Structures are given as C-alpha cells and as structure tokens.
Amino acid sequence: MENSNWIDIIFGGAALLIVLSGLFMLFQGIDVMNKKD
C-alpha cells in the first residue's frame, strides 16, 4: 500500500503540471489575441 502512495503523489503532481502548463498556454494565446486586436 505504501508504494501506491508515492505513485499517487507522482501522478497527481504530473497532472497538476499538465493542467498548469495548459492554462499558461491558454492565457498566453489570449494575450497574443488581445495584442493583435
């Protein structure tokens, strides 16, 4: 059971990084669109 604990932490951290990077790219795209307008 202890092994699944750090696996959950790793997958949780990876998912969090993916979501954060996705949001960052989304806001960057919005910023670029606003500058063009």
PDB file of N, CA and C in Angstrom:
ATOM      1  N   MET A   1       0.835  -1.213   0.000  1.00  0.00           N
ATOM      2  CA  MET A   1       0.000   0.000   0.000  1.00  0.00           C
ATOM      3  C   MET A   1       0.869   1.262   0.000  1.00  0.00           C
ATOM      4  N   GLU A   2       2.060   1.180   0.598  1.00  0.00           N
ATOM      5  CA  GLU A   2       2.922   2.370   0.652  1.00  0.00           C
ATOM      6  C   GLU A   2       3.424   2.751  -0.740  1.00  0.00           C
ATOM      7  N   ASN A   3       3.604   1.750  -1.601  1.00  0.00           N
ATOM      8  CA  ASN A   3       4.076   2.040  -2.959  1.00  0.00           C
ATOM      9  C   ASN A   3       3.056   2.867  -3.736  1.00  0.00           C
ATOM     10  N   SER A   4       1.778   2.529  -3.607  1.00  0.00           N
ATOM     11  CA  SER A   4       0.742   3.269  -4.331  1.00  0.00           C
ATOM     12  C   SER A   4       0.660   4.715  -3.836  1.00  0.00           C
ATOM     13  N   ASN A   5       1.164   4.967  -2.633  1.00  0.00           N
ATOM     14  CA  ASN A   5       1.110   6.317  -2.069  1.00  0.00           C
ATOM     15  C   ASN A   5       1.990   7.274  -2.876  1.00  0.00           C
ATOM     16  N   TRP A   6       3.257   6.916  -3.078  1.00  0.00           N
ATOM     17  CA  TRP A   6       4.133   7.827  -3.841  1.00  0.00           C
ATOM     18  C   TRP A   6       3.769   7.836  -5.313  1.00  0.00           C
ATOM     19  N   ILE A   7       3.178   6.748  -5.810  1.00  0.00           N
ATOM     20  CA  ILE A   7       2.717   6.736  -7.206  1.00  0.00           C
ATOM     21  C   ILE A   7       1.585   7.754  -7.367  1.00  0.00           C
ATOM     22  N   ASP A   8       0.683   7.799  -6.378  1.00  0.00           N
ATOM     23  CA  ASP A   8      -0.412   8.781  -6.417  1.00  0.00           C
ATOM     24  C   ASP A   8       0.147  10.198  -6.398  1.00  0.00           C
ATOM     25  N   ILE A   9       1.185  10.422  -5.593  1.00  0.00           N
ATOM     26  CA  ILE A   9       1.790  11.759  -5.493  1.00  0.00           C
ATOM     27  C   ILE A   9       2.427  12.147  -6.834  1.00  0.00           C
ATOM     28  N   ILE A  10       3.131  11.194  -7.462  1.00  0.00           N
ATOM     29  CA  ILE A  10       3.793  11.476  -8.739  1.00  0.00           C
ATOM     30  C   ILE A  10       2.759  11.783  -9.822  1.00  0.00           C
ATOM     31  N   PHE A  11       1.706  10.927  -9.903  1.00  0.00           N
ATOM     32  CA  PHE A  11       0.678  11.154 -10.923  1.00  0.00           C
ATOM     33  C   PHE A  11      -0.087  12.439 -10.643  1.00  0.00           C
ATOM     34  N   GLY A  12      -0.334  12.727  -9.380  1.00  0.00           N
ATOM     35  CA  GLY A  12      -1.032  13.963  -9.009  1.00  0.00           C
ATOM     36  C   GLY A  12      -0.207  15.180  -9.410  1.00  0.00           C
ATOM     37  N   GLY A  13       1.085  15.122  -9.145  1.00  0.00           N
ATOM     38  CA  GLY A  13       1.970  16.229  -9.496  1.00  0.00           C
ATOM     39  C   GLY A  13       2.073  16.403 -11.006  1.00  0.00           C
ATOM     40  N   ALA A  14       2.150  15.283 -11.730  1.00  0.00           N
ATOM     41  CA  ALA A  14       2.238  15.344 -13.191  1.00  0.00           C
ATOM     42  C   ALA A  14       0.957  15.942 -13.770  1.00  0.00           C
ATOM     43  N   ALA A  15      -0.189  15.499 -13.256  1.00  0.00           N
ATOM     44  CA  ALA A  15      -1.473  16.022 -13.736  1.00  0.00           C
ATOM     45  C   ALA A  15      -1.564  17.520 -13.453  1.00  0.00           C
ATOM     46  N   LEU A  16      -1.100  17.932 -12.271  1.00  0.00           N
ATOM     47  CA  LEU A  16      -1.141  19.344 -11.894  1.00  0.00           C
ATOM     48  C   LEU A  16      -0.262  20.169 -12.842  1.00  0.00           C
ATOM     49  N   LEU A  17       0.931  19.643 -13.159  1.00  0.00           N
ATOM     50  CA  LEU A  17       1.829  20.351 -14.074  1.00  0.00           C
ATOM     51  C   LEU A  17       1.211  20.483 -15.462  1.00  0.00           C
ATOM     52  N   ILE A  18       0.560  19.411 -15.923  1.00  0.00           N
ATOM     53  CA  ILE A  18      -0.072  19.437 -17.252  1.00  0.00           C
ATOM     54  C   ILE A  18      -1.186  20.479 -17.288  1.00  0.00           C
ATOM     55  N   VAL A  19      -2.003  20.503 -16.225  1.00  0.00           N
ATOM     56  CA  VAL A  19      -3.113  21.466 -16.158  1.00  0.00           C
ATOM     57  C   VAL A  19      -2.573  22.892 -16.104  1.00  0.00           C
ATOM     58  N   LEU A  20      -1.539  23.113 -15.276  1.00  0.00           N
ATOM     59  CA  LEU A  20      -0.974  24.458 -15.144  1.00  0.00           C
ATOM     60  C   LEU A  20      -0.347  24.924 -16.459  1.00  0.00           C
ATOM     61  N   SER A  21       0.398  24.038 -17.126  1.00  0.00           N
ATOM     62  CA  SER A  21       1.026  24.417 -18.399  1.00  0.00           C
ATOM     63  C   SER A  21      -0.042  24.675 -19.466  1.00  0.00           C
ATOM     64  N   GLY A  22      -1.126  23.901 -19.424  1.00  0.00           N
ATOM     65  CA  GLY A  22      -2.230  24.109 -20.363  1.00  0.00           C
ATOM     66  C   GLY A  22      -2.881  25.463 -20.153  1.00  0.00           C
ATOM     67  N   LEU A  23      -3.119  25.805 -18.882  1.00  0.00           N
ATOM     68  CA  LEU A  23      -3.717  27.107 -18.565  1.00  0.00           C
ATOM     69  C   LEU A  23      -2.777  28.234 -18.973  1.00  0.00           C
ATOM     70  N   PHE A  24      -1.468  28.051 -18.734  1.00  0.00           N
ATOM     71  CA  PHE A  24      -0.480  29.060 -19.084  1.00  0.00           C
ATOM     72  C   PHE A  24      -0.484  29.316 -20.595  1.00  0.00           C
ATOM     73  N   MET A  25      -0.514  28.233 -21.388  1.00  0.00           N
ATOM     74  CA  MET A  25      -0.553  28.375 -22.843  1.00  0.00           C
ATOM     75  C   MET A  25      -1.853  29.042 -23.285  1.00  0.00           C
ATOM     76  N   LEU A  26      -2.957  28.703 -22.611  1.00  0.00           N
ATOM     77  CA  LEU A  26      -4.257  29.290 -22.943  1.00  0.00           C
ATOM     78  C   LEU A  26      -4.229  30.799 -22.708  1.00  0.00           C
ATOM     79  N   PHE A  27      -3.706  31.220 -21.544  1.00  0.00           N
ATOM     80  CA  PHE A  27      -3.652  32.651 -21.233  1.00  0.00           C
ATOM     81  C   PHE A  27      -2.674  33.371 -22.156  1.00  0.00           C
ATOM     82  N   GLN A  28      -1.586  32.701 -22.539  1.00  0.00           N
ATOM     83  CA  GLN A  28      -0.639  33.309 -23.479  1.00  0.00           C
ATOM     84  C   GLN A  28      -1.319  33.545 -24.825  1.00  0.00           C
ATOM     85  N   GLY A  29      -2.119  32.566 -25.265  1.00  0.00           N
ATOM     86  CA  GLY A  29      -2.845  32.695 -26.534  1.00  0.00           C
ATOM     87  C   GLY A  29      -3.832  33.846 -26.477  1.00  0.00           C
ATOM     88  N   ILE A  30      -4.538  33.985 -25.347  1.00  0.00           N
ATOM     89  CA  ILE A  30      -5.498  35.085 -25.172  1.00  0.00           C
ATOM     90  C   ILE A  30      -4.753  36.422 -25.205  1.00  0.00           C
ATOM     91  N   ASP A  31      -3.595  36.468 -24.553  1.00  0.00           N
ATOM     92  CA  ASP A  31      -2.796  37.694 -24.503  1.00  0.00           C
ATOM     93  C   ASP A  31      -2.354  38.091 -25.914  1.00  0.00           C
ATOM     94  N   VAL A  32      -1.931  37.124 -26.711  1.00  0.00           N
ATOM     95  CA  VAL A  32      -1.495  37.398 -28.087  1.00  0.00           C
ATOM     96  C   VAL A  32      -2.676  37.908 -28.919  1.00  0.00           C
ATOM     97  N   MET A  33      -3.836  37.283 -28.753  1.00  0.00           N
ATOM     98  CA  MET A  33      -5.032  37.704 -29.490  1.00  0.00           C
ATOM     99  C   MET A  33      -5.403  39.139 -29.122  1.00  0.00           C
ATOM    100  N   ASN A  34      -5.304  39.476 -27.834  1.00  0.00           N
ATOM    101  CA  ASN A  34      -5.655  40.823 -27.381  1.00  0.00           C
ATOM    102  C   ASN A  34      -4.680  41.855 -27.944  1.00  0.00           C
ATOM    103  N   LYS A  35      -3.396  41.506 -28.052  1.00  0.00           N
ATOM    104  CA  LYS A  35      -2.409  42.444 -28.570  1.00  0.00           C
ATOM    105  C   LYS A  35      -2.636  42.692 -30.059  1.00  0.00           C
ATOM    106  N   LYS A  36      -3.073  41.671 -30.786  1.00  0.00           N
ATOM    107  CA  LYS A  36      -3.332  41.823 -32.222  1.00  0.00           C
ATOM    108  C   LYS A  36      -4.520  42.748 -32.459  1.00  0.00           C
ATOM    109  N   ASP A  37      -5.504  42.681 -31.609  1.00  0.00           N
ATOM    110  CA  ASP A  37      -6.753  43.420 -31.797  1.00  0.00           C
ATOM    111  C   ASP A  37      -6.622  44.918 -31.681  1.00  0.00           C
TER     112      ASP A  37
END
